[in-house]
Amino acid sequence: MVEDQCVVAVVDDDEGLRDALELLLASLGFQIELYASAEEFLAEAMDSRASCLLVDLHLGDISGVELVRQLSSIDCPFPVIFMTGSCDAVMEKQAMEAGCIAFLHKPFPEDQLLESIKRAVRVSQGSLH
């Protein structure tokens, strides 16, 4: 996989985390699209070049899980990696049922993020998990 050909869309309402992920992912050779809300991503989803989405579970009016459901309903699915700083077993189960590739608990190690992205990109490209 050549990372600089892969686009990771980050959807998180925490500007500091978006900035940190942008720096980290760019240093690893990925292209990045940044979105502050689910609504912002939905408005541009059809034009997104993302190979995968890195989505905070807790967003504003539309949760990360609801974002994935809405994308599926408009036939615009993306491999999704959920991330969260707080969650319970019910929320994690909902995220898994929504079809996420990985579920990361903040703060997460860089290697865990990278492996999750690589797996999501393989799914995006039609390769086996």
N, C-alpha and C. Protein backbone atom coordinates (compact mmCIF):
# COMPACT_ATOMS: atom_id res chain seq x y z
N MET A 1 0.84 -1.18 0.00
CA MET A 1 0.00 0.00 0.00
C MET A 1 0.89 1.24 0.00
N VAL A 2 0.59 2.16 -0.86
CA VAL A 2 1.29 3.43 -0.88
C VAL A 2 0.41 4.45 -0.18
N GLU A 3 0.83 4.87 1.03
CA GLU A 3 0.00 5.73 1.85
C GLU A 3 -0.37 7.04 1.16
N ASP A 4 0.57 7.63 0.38
CA ASP A 4 0.26 8.94 -0.18
C ASP A 4 -0.82 8.87 -1.25
N GLN A 5 -1.23 7.68 -1.63
CA GLN A 5 -2.36 7.54 -2.54
C GLN A 5 -3.65 7.31 -1.77
N CYS A 6 -3.57 7.20 -0.45
CA CYS A 6 -4.73 6.94 0.39
C CYS A 6 -5.14 8.22 1.10
N VAL A 7 -6.45 8.44 1.09
CA VAL A 7 -7.00 9.61 1.76
C VAL A 7 -7.78 9.13 2.98
N VAL A 8 -7.47 9.72 4.12
CA VAL A 8 -8.19 9.42 5.35
C VAL A 8 -9.02 10.65 5.71
N ALA A 9 -10.33 10.47 5.83
CA ALA A 9 -11.20 11.56 6.26
C ALA A 9 -11.38 11.46 7.77
N VAL A 10 -11.04 12.53 8.46
CA VAL A 10 -11.18 12.60 9.92
C VAL A 10 -12.41 13.44 10.23
N VAL A 11 -13.36 12.85 10.97
CA VAL A 11 -14.58 13.54 11.38
C VAL A 11 -14.58 13.60 12.90
N ASP A 12 -14.26 14.76 13.44
CA ASP A 12 -14.19 14.93 14.90
C ASP A 12 -14.47 16.38 15.24
N ASP A 13 -15.28 16.61 16.26
CA ASP A 13 -15.61 17.98 16.64
C ASP A 13 -14.55 18.64 17.52
N ASP A 14 -13.51 17.93 17.87
CA ASP A 14 -12.41 18.47 18.68
C ASP A 14 -11.30 18.97 17.74
N GLU A 15 -11.21 20.29 17.60
CA GLU A 15 -10.25 20.89 16.67
C GLU A 15 -8.81 20.48 16.99
N GLY A 16 -8.47 20.43 18.26
CA GLY A 16 -7.12 20.04 18.66
C GLY A 16 -6.78 18.63 18.21
N LEU A 17 -7.72 17.72 18.37
CA LEU A 17 -7.48 16.33 17.95
C LEU A 17 -7.41 16.25 16.42
N ARG A 18 -8.29 16.97 15.73
CA ARG A 18 -8.22 16.98 14.26
C ARG A 18 -6.85 17.45 13.80
N ASP A 19 -6.35 18.53 14.40
CA ASP A 19 -5.03 19.06 14.03
C ASP A 19 -3.93 18.05 14.31
N ALA A 20 -4.00 17.40 15.47
CA ALA A 20 -2.98 16.41 15.84
C ALA A 20 -3.01 15.22 14.88
N LEU A 21 -4.20 14.75 14.55
CA LEU A 21 -4.32 13.63 13.61
C LEU A 21 -3.85 14.03 12.22
N GLU A 22 -4.13 15.27 11.82
CA GLU A 22 -3.65 15.73 10.52
C GLU A 22 -2.13 15.69 10.45
N LEU A 23 -1.47 16.19 11.48
CA LEU A 23 0.00 16.17 11.52
C LEU A 23 0.54 14.75 11.52
N LEU A 24 -0.04 13.90 12.35
CA LEU A 24 0.42 12.52 12.45
C LEU A 24 0.23 11.78 11.13
N LEU A 25 -0.97 11.84 10.59
CA LEU A 25 -1.26 11.09 9.36
C LEU A 25 -0.45 11.62 8.17
N ALA A 26 -0.28 12.93 8.10
CA ALA A 26 0.55 13.50 7.03
C ALA A 26 1.99 13.02 7.16
N SER A 27 2.49 12.94 8.40
CA SER A 27 3.87 12.47 8.61
C SER A 27 4.04 11.00 8.22
N LEU A 28 2.92 10.26 8.22
CA LEU A 28 2.95 8.85 7.82
C LEU A 28 2.69 8.68 6.33
N GLY A 29 2.48 9.79 5.63
CA GLY A 29 2.33 9.74 4.18
C GLY A 29 0.91 9.72 3.65
N PHE A 30 -0.08 9.88 4.53
CA PHE A 30 -1.47 9.89 4.08
C PHE A 30 -1.90 11.29 3.67
N GLN A 31 -2.87 11.36 2.76
CA GLN A 31 -3.57 12.60 2.48
C GLN A 31 -4.76 12.64 3.44
N ILE A 32 -5.16 13.84 3.84
CA ILE A 32 -6.18 13.96 4.87
C ILE A 32 -7.27 14.93 4.45
N GLU A 33 -8.50 14.57 4.77
CA GLU A 33 -9.64 15.48 4.68
C GLU A 33 -10.14 15.66 6.11
N LEU A 34 -10.39 16.90 6.52
CA LEU A 34 -10.83 17.18 7.88
C LEU A 34 -12.25 17.72 7.90
N TYR A 35 -13.05 17.21 8.83
CA TYR A 35 -14.44 17.63 8.98
C TYR A 35 -14.74 17.81 10.46
N ALA A 36 -15.41 18.91 10.80
CA ALA A 36 -15.71 19.22 12.20
C ALA A 36 -17.01 18.60 12.69
N SER A 37 -17.81 18.05 11.77
CA SER A 37 -19.09 17.46 12.17
C SER A 37 -19.54 16.43 11.15
N ALA A 38 -20.49 15.61 11.57
CA ALA A 38 -21.08 14.64 10.66
C ALA A 38 -21.81 15.37 9.53
N GLU A 39 -22.48 16.45 9.87
CA GLU A 39 -23.21 17.22 8.86
C GLU A 39 -22.26 17.76 7.79
N GLU A 40 -21.10 18.24 8.21
CA GLU A 40 -20.12 18.76 7.27
C GLU A 40 -19.64 17.65 6.33
N PHE A 41 -19.40 16.46 6.87
CA PHE A 41 -18.97 15.37 6.00
C PHE A 41 -20.10 14.94 5.07
N LEU A 42 -21.32 14.82 5.58
CA LEU A 42 -22.45 14.40 4.74
C LEU A 42 -22.65 15.35 3.56
N ALA A 43 -22.42 16.64 3.78
CA ALA A 43 -22.58 17.63 2.71
C ALA A 43 -21.58 17.40 1.57
N GLU A 44 -20.46 16.77 1.87
CA GLU A 44 -19.41 16.57 0.88
C GLU A 44 -19.11 15.10 0.59
N ALA A 45 -19.87 14.20 1.17
CA ALA A 45 -19.57 12.77 1.09
C ALA A 45 -19.45 12.26 -0.35
N MET A 46 -20.33 12.69 -1.21
CA MET A 46 -20.31 12.18 -2.58
C MET A 46 -19.05 12.61 -3.33
N ASP A 47 -18.42 13.70 -2.89
CA ASP A 47 -17.20 14.19 -3.54
C ASP A 47 -15.93 13.77 -2.81
N SER A 48 -16.08 13.11 -1.67
CA SER A 48 -14.92 12.71 -0.89
C SER A 48 -14.09 11.67 -1.63
N ARG A 49 -12.79 11.81 -1.52
CA ARG A 49 -11.86 10.84 -2.11
C ARG A 49 -11.35 9.86 -1.04
N ALA A 50 -12.00 9.86 0.11
CA ALA A 50 -11.51 9.08 1.25
C ALA A 50 -11.50 7.58 0.97
N SER A 51 -10.42 6.95 1.39
CA SER A 51 -10.33 5.49 1.38
C SER A 51 -10.98 4.92 2.63
N CYS A 52 -10.99 5.73 3.71
CA CYS A 52 -11.64 5.33 4.95
C CYS A 52 -11.95 6.56 5.78
N LEU A 53 -12.82 6.36 6.77
CA LEU A 53 -13.20 7.43 7.69
C LEU A 53 -12.69 7.10 9.09
N LEU A 54 -12.16 8.10 9.74
CA LEU A 54 -11.78 8.03 11.15
C LEU A 54 -12.76 8.95 11.86
N VAL A 55 -13.72 8.37 12.58
CA VAL A 55 -14.87 9.11 13.09
C VAL A 55 -14.98 9.02 14.60
N ASP A 56 -15.15 10.19 15.23
CA ASP A 56 -15.43 10.22 16.66
C ASP A 56 -16.84 9.68 16.87
N LEU A 57 -17.01 8.86 17.86
CA LEU A 57 -18.32 8.30 18.16
C LEU A 57 -19.29 9.38 18.64
N HIS A 58 -18.77 10.34 19.41
CA HIS A 58 -19.60 11.41 19.98
C HIS A 58 -19.37 12.70 19.21
N LEU A 59 -20.30 12.99 18.33
CA LEU A 59 -20.27 14.24 17.59
C LEU A 59 -21.45 15.09 18.06
N GLY A 60 -21.71 16.19 17.40
CA GLY A 60 -22.81 17.07 17.79
C GLY A 60 -24.18 16.44 17.65
N ASP A 61 -24.97 16.96 16.75
CA ASP A 61 -26.35 16.50 16.59
C ASP A 61 -26.45 15.11 15.98
N ILE A 62 -25.49 14.76 15.14
CA ILE A 62 -25.48 13.45 14.50
C ILE A 62 -24.28 12.67 15.04
N SER A 63 -24.54 11.54 15.66
CA SER A 63 -23.45 10.73 16.22
C SER A 63 -22.66 10.05 15.10
N GLY A 64 -21.53 9.51 15.46
CA GLY A 64 -20.73 8.76 14.49
C GLY A 64 -21.49 7.57 13.93
N VAL A 65 -22.22 6.86 14.79
CA VAL A 65 -22.99 5.71 14.34
C VAL A 65 -24.09 6.16 13.38
N GLU A 66 -24.76 7.25 13.70
CA GLU A 66 -25.81 7.76 12.82
C GLU A 66 -25.22 8.23 11.49
N LEU A 67 -24.03 8.81 11.50
CA LEU A 67 -23.36 9.19 10.27
C LEU A 67 -23.19 7.98 9.36
N VAL A 68 -22.71 6.88 9.91
CA VAL A 68 -22.49 5.67 9.12
C VAL A 68 -23.82 5.15 8.58
N ARG A 69 -24.85 5.19 9.39
CA ARG A 69 -26.18 4.74 8.93
C ARG A 69 -26.67 5.60 7.77
N GLN A 70 -26.50 6.91 7.89
CA GLN A 70 -26.96 7.80 6.82
C GLN A 70 -26.15 7.59 5.54
N LEU A 71 -24.86 7.36 5.67
CA LEU A 71 -24.04 7.10 4.49
C LEU A 71 -24.50 5.81 3.79
N SER A 72 -24.80 4.79 4.57
CA SER A 72 -25.30 3.54 3.99
C SER A 72 -26.63 3.74 3.30
N SER A 73 -27.49 4.58 3.87
CA SER A 73 -28.82 4.79 3.29
C SER A 73 -28.77 5.54 1.96
N ILE A 74 -27.70 6.29 1.72
CA ILE A 74 -27.56 6.99 0.44
C ILE A 74 -26.56 6.26 -0.47
N ASP A 75 -26.31 4.99 -0.13
CA ASP A 75 -25.41 4.13 -0.92
C ASP A 75 -24.04 4.78 -1.11
N CYS A 76 -23.51 5.28 -0.01
CA CYS A 76 -22.21 5.93 -0.03
C CYS A 76 -21.39 5.40 1.16
N PRO A 77 -21.16 4.07 1.15
CA PRO A 77 -20.47 3.48 2.30
C PRO A 77 -18.95 3.72 2.25
N PHE A 78 -18.37 3.87 3.39
CA PHE A 78 -16.92 3.98 3.56
C PHE A 78 -16.52 3.03 4.67
N PRO A 79 -15.34 2.42 4.60
CA PRO A 79 -14.84 1.70 5.77
C PRO A 79 -14.62 2.71 6.90
N VAL A 80 -15.08 2.37 8.09
CA VAL A 80 -15.07 3.32 9.21
C VAL A 80 -14.28 2.77 10.38
N ILE A 81 -13.47 3.66 10.96
CA ILE A 81 -12.78 3.40 12.22
C ILE A 81 -13.39 4.37 13.22
N PHE A 82 -14.02 3.85 14.26
CA PHE A 82 -14.56 4.71 15.29
C PHE A 82 -13.50 4.95 16.36
N MET A 83 -13.54 6.14 16.94
CA MET A 83 -12.68 6.46 18.07
C MET A 83 -13.52 7.19 19.10
N THR A 84 -13.17 6.97 20.36
CA THR A 84 -13.91 7.62 21.44
C THR A 84 -13.07 7.72 22.69
N GLY A 85 -13.39 8.72 23.47
CA GLY A 85 -12.74 8.90 24.76
C GLY A 85 -13.56 8.28 25.88
N SER A 86 -14.84 8.07 25.61
CA SER A 86 -15.71 7.47 26.62
C SER A 86 -16.83 6.71 25.94
N CYS A 87 -17.08 5.53 26.44
CA CYS A 87 -18.15 4.73 25.84
C CYS A 87 -18.47 3.58 26.76
N ASP A 88 -19.66 3.03 26.55
CA ASP A 88 -20.04 1.85 27.30
C ASP A 88 -20.21 0.68 26.33
N ALA A 89 -20.50 -0.48 26.86
CA ALA A 89 -20.60 -1.68 26.04
C ALA A 89 -21.72 -1.57 25.00
N VAL A 90 -22.81 -0.89 25.35
CA VAL A 90 -23.93 -0.74 24.42
C VAL A 90 -23.49 0.10 23.21
N MET A 91 -22.80 1.19 23.48
CA MET A 91 -22.35 2.06 22.39
C MET A 91 -21.33 1.35 21.51
N GLU A 92 -20.44 0.60 22.13
CA GLU A 92 -19.45 -0.14 21.34
C GLU A 92 -20.15 -1.19 20.48
N LYS A 93 -21.16 -1.84 21.02
CA LYS A 93 -21.92 -2.83 20.25
C LYS A 93 -22.61 -2.16 19.07
N GLN A 94 -23.20 -0.98 19.27
CA GLN A 94 -23.85 -0.25 18.18
C GLN A 94 -22.83 0.11 17.09
N ALA A 95 -21.65 0.51 17.50
CA ALA A 95 -20.60 0.85 16.53
C ALA A 95 -20.20 -0.37 15.72
N MET A 96 -20.06 -1.49 16.38
CA MET A 96 -19.68 -2.72 15.67
C MET A 96 -20.80 -3.16 14.73
N GLU A 97 -22.04 -3.03 15.18
CA GLU A 97 -23.18 -3.39 14.33
C GLU A 97 -23.30 -2.46 13.13
N ALA A 98 -22.83 -1.23 13.27
CA ALA A 98 -22.86 -0.28 12.15
C ALA A 98 -21.82 -0.66 11.10
N GLY A 99 -20.94 -1.59 11.45
CA GLY A 99 -20.00 -2.10 10.48
C GLY A 99 -18.61 -1.49 10.52
N CYS A 100 -18.21 -1.01 11.67
CA CYS A 100 -16.88 -0.39 11.74
C CYS A 100 -15.78 -1.44 11.59
N ILE A 101 -14.67 -1.00 11.06
CA ILE A 101 -13.49 -1.85 10.85
C ILE A 101 -12.72 -2.00 12.16
N ALA A 102 -12.70 -0.91 12.94
CA ALA A 102 -11.97 -0.92 14.22
C ALA A 102 -12.64 0.06 15.16
N PHE A 103 -12.37 -0.13 16.44
CA PHE A 103 -12.91 0.72 17.50
C PHE A 103 -11.75 1.09 18.40
N LEU A 104 -11.35 2.36 18.37
CA LEU A 104 -10.18 2.81 19.13
C LEU A 104 -10.60 3.66 20.33
N HIS A 105 -10.01 3.35 21.47
CA HIS A 105 -10.25 4.13 22.68
C HIS A 105 -9.14 5.16 22.83
N LYS A 106 -9.55 6.44 22.93
CA LYS A 106 -8.58 7.54 23.08
C LYS A 106 -8.00 7.51 24.49
N PRO A 107 -6.76 7.78 24.66
CA PRO A 107 -5.74 7.93 23.62
C PRO A 107 -5.31 6.56 23.12
N PHE A 108 -5.06 6.45 21.83
CA PHE A 108 -4.68 5.17 21.24
C PHE A 108 -3.26 5.26 20.69
N PRO A 109 -2.55 4.15 20.69
CA PRO A 109 -1.18 4.14 20.19
C PRO A 109 -1.15 4.35 18.67
N GLU A 110 -0.12 5.00 18.21
CA GLU A 110 0.05 5.28 16.78
C GLU A 110 0.01 4.00 15.95
N ASP A 111 0.66 2.94 16.43
CA ASP A 111 0.70 1.70 15.64
C ASP A 111 -0.68 1.06 15.52
N GLN A 112 -1.52 1.20 16.55
CA GLN A 112 -2.88 0.67 16.49
C GLN A 112 -3.71 1.45 15.46
N LEU A 113 -3.53 2.77 15.43
CA LEU A 113 -4.21 3.60 14.44
C LEU A 113 -3.76 3.23 13.03
N LEU A 114 -2.48 3.11 12.84
CA LEU A 114 -1.94 2.79 11.51
C LEU A 114 -2.42 1.44 11.03
N GLU A 115 -2.41 0.44 11.88
CA GLU A 115 -2.88 -0.89 11.50
C GLU A 115 -4.37 -0.85 11.15
N SER A 116 -5.15 -0.10 11.90
CA SER A 116 -6.58 0.02 11.62
C SER A 116 -6.82 0.69 10.28
N ILE A 117 -6.06 1.72 9.98
CA ILE A 117 -6.20 2.42 8.70
C ILE A 117 -5.81 1.49 7.56
N LYS A 118 -4.72 0.77 7.71
CA LYS A 118 -4.30 -0.15 6.65
C LYS A 118 -5.37 -1.20 6.39
N ARG A 119 -5.98 -1.72 7.45
CA ARG A 119 -7.04 -2.71 7.28
C ARG A 119 -8.25 -2.09 6.59
N ALA A 120 -8.62 -0.87 6.96
CA ALA A 120 -9.76 -0.19 6.34
C ALA A 120 -9.49 0.09 4.86
N VAL A 121 -8.28 0.46 4.53
CA VAL A 121 -7.92 0.72 3.13
C VAL A 121 -7.99 -0.56 2.32
N ARG A 122 -7.54 -1.67 2.90
CA ARG A 122 -7.65 -2.95 2.19
C ARG A 122 -9.11 -3.29 1.90
N VAL A 123 -9.98 -3.02 2.86
CA VAL A 123 -11.41 -3.25 2.66
C VAL A 123 -11.94 -2.32 1.55
N SER A 124 -11.51 -1.07 1.60
CA SER A 124 -11.92 -0.09 0.59
C SER A 124 -11.51 -0.52 -0.82
N GLN A 125 -10.35 -1.14 -0.91
CA GLN A 125 -9.82 -1.56 -2.20
C GLN A 125 -10.33 -2.94 -2.61
N GLY A 126 -11.20 -3.51 -1.77
CA GLY A 126 -11.80 -4.80 -2.11
C GLY A 126 -10.96 -6.00 -1.74
N SER A 127 -9.90 -5.79 -0.97
CA SER A 127 -9.07 -6.90 -0.53
C SER A 127 -9.71 -7.56 0.67
N LEU A 128 -9.19 -8.71 1.02
CA LEU A 128 -9.69 -9.40 2.22
C LEU A 128 -9.27 -8.66 3.46
N HIS A 129 -10.03 -8.83 4.54
CA HIS A 129 -9.71 -8.24 5.85
C HIS A 129 -8.38 -8.77 6.26
